[in-house]
Amino acid sequence: MVTNTLIIYLKLESGSSPAKEDILTLMPWLGENGIIWVVVALEHMVFMVKMALRAASSESSAEVSTDQFREEYFHLKRADVEAGRAEDFSTLDEAGVFGAELGSASFAVK
């Protein structure tokens, strides 16, 4: 917002521009700095409308919430399954089922 205002200010102060002349013709009571204040006020109003719409609308619909719950549930379930597989593998590895070439000794740095 500040950047936009600065750009408009620099454009208007750089000399005579058609936009500046049109605005001052329509609203002579604004003056040189009044144009900037109008732009700042309009930008603030846009942000206020945006915040009001966000507050008035729900964050997400029930369908989206259900989908998010399902996705999280299946990610957690998959993590549990993977943890169980890793635990089973480490148990079998400690028992020596895989032999020396596939066991944890094969991952050692030589």
Protein backbone atom coordinates (compact mmCIF):
# COMPACT_ATOMS: atom_id res chain seq x y z
CA MET A 1 0.00 0.00 0.00
CA VAL A 2 2.78 2.43 0.88
CA THR A 3 4.64 1.52 -2.31
CA ASN A 4 1.59 2.26 -4.46
CA THR A 5 1.11 5.60 -2.75
CA LEU A 6 4.76 6.48 -3.22
CA ILE A 7 4.60 5.59 -6.93
CA ILE A 8 1.51 7.74 -7.41
CA TYR A 9 3.09 10.60 -5.47
CA LEU A 10 6.27 10.48 -7.54
CA LYS A 11 4.29 10.33 -10.78
CA LEU A 12 2.17 13.30 -9.77
CA GLU A 13 5.11 15.37 -8.52
CA SER A 14 7.25 14.73 -11.61
CA GLY A 15 5.55 17.53 -13.50
CA SER A 16 2.29 18.01 -15.24
CA SER A 17 0.50 14.76 -15.92
CA PRO A 18 -2.91 14.32 -17.52
CA ALA A 19 -4.17 12.43 -14.48
CA LYS A 20 -3.14 15.20 -12.11
CA GLU A 21 -4.77 17.87 -14.27
CA ASP A 22 -7.99 15.82 -14.61
CA ILE A 23 -8.26 15.18 -10.89
CA LEU A 24 -7.59 18.80 -9.97
CA THR A 25 -10.12 19.95 -12.59
CA LEU A 26 -12.81 17.69 -11.13
CA MET A 27 -11.93 18.35 -7.50
CA PRO A 28 -10.01 21.61 -7.16
CA TRP A 29 -10.44 21.63 -3.38
CA LEU A 30 -8.05 18.64 -3.06
CA GLY A 31 -4.87 20.53 -3.82
CA GLU A 32 -1.49 18.96 -4.51
CA ASN A 33 -1.28 16.63 -1.50
CA GLY A 34 -4.98 15.92 -1.35
CA ILE A 35 -4.70 13.48 -4.23
CA ILE A 36 -2.32 11.33 -2.21
CA TRP A 37 -4.63 11.38 0.81
CA VAL A 38 -7.56 10.27 -1.36
CA VAL A 39 -5.49 7.36 -2.70
CA VAL A 40 -4.45 6.35 0.82
CA ALA A 41 -8.08 6.53 1.99
CA LEU A 42 -9.28 4.42 -0.95
CA GLU A 43 -6.64 1.78 -0.29
CA HIS A 44 -7.63 1.65 3.37
CA MET A 45 -11.26 1.20 2.39
CA VAL A 46 -10.35 -1.66 0.07
CA PHE A 47 -8.47 -3.41 2.89
CA MET A 48 -11.38 -2.84 5.30
CA VAL A 49 -13.83 -4.37 2.82
CA LYS A 50 -11.47 -7.32 2.34
CA MET A 51 -11.22 -7.88 6.12
CA ALA A 52 -14.99 -7.57 6.53
CA LEU A 53 -15.62 -10.14 3.79
CA ARG A 54 -13.10 -12.51 5.34
CA ALA A 55 -14.75 -12.15 8.76
CA ALA A 56 -18.25 -12.59 7.33
CA SER A 57 -17.49 -15.69 5.30
CA SER A 58 -16.66 -19.02 6.84
CA GLU A 59 -13.08 -20.20 6.72
CA SER A 60 -13.99 -23.29 4.71
CA SER A 61 -17.04 -25.29 3.82
CA ALA A 62 -17.97 -28.52 5.56
CA GLU A 63 -16.89 -30.50 2.50
CA VAL A 64 -13.42 -28.95 2.55
CA SER A 65 -13.10 -29.57 6.29
CA THR A 66 -14.07 -33.22 5.80
CA ASP A 67 -11.55 -33.62 3.00
CA GLN A 68 -8.81 -32.06 5.12
CA PHE A 69 -9.66 -34.42 8.00
CA ARG A 70 -9.55 -37.45 5.70
CA GLU A 71 -6.25 -36.41 4.18
CA GLU A 72 -4.66 -35.88 7.60
CA TYR A 73 -6.09 -39.19 8.86
CA PHE A 74 -4.66 -41.15 5.94
CA HIS A 75 -1.26 -39.44 6.30
CA LEU A 76 -1.17 -40.39 9.98
CA LYS A 77 -2.33 -43.93 9.22
CA ARG A 78 0.37 -44.30 6.55
CA ALA A 79 3.01 -43.00 8.97
CA ASP A 80 1.90 -45.60 11.54
CA VAL A 81 2.10 -48.38 8.95
CA GLU A 82 5.57 -47.25 7.85
CA ALA A 83 6.73 -47.05 11.48
CA GLY A 84 5.44 -50.59 12.05
CA ARG A 85 7.26 -51.85 8.97
CA ALA A 86 10.49 -50.19 10.08
CA GLU A 87 10.11 -51.71 13.53
CA ASP A 88 9.49 -55.17 12.03
CA PHE A 89 12.53 -54.81 9.78
CA SER A 90 14.79 -53.75 12.65
CA THR A 91 13.53 -56.70 14.74
CA LEU A 92 14.24 -59.15 11.93
CA ASP A 93 17.61 -57.51 11.26
CA GLU A 94 18.63 -57.86 14.91
CA ALA A 95 17.61 -61.51 14.77
CA GLY A 96 19.96 -62.00 11.83
CA VAL A 97 17.28 -63.10 9.38
CA PHE A 98 18.73 -61.11 6.48
CA GLY A 99 22.36 -62.13 6.91
CA ALA A 100 25.39 -59.88 6.97
CA GLU A 101 25.01 -58.51 3.42
CA LEU A 102 21.53 -57.05 3.97
CA GLY A 103 21.73 -56.25 7.64
CA SER A 104 22.74 -53.03 9.32
CA ALA A 105 26.42 -53.97 8.95
CA SER A 106 26.18 -53.47 5.18
CA PHE A 107 25.40 -49.77 5.68
CA ALA A 108 28.53 -49.08 7.67
CA VAL A 109 31.06 -46.71 6.10
CA LYS A 110 34.34 -48.43 5.28
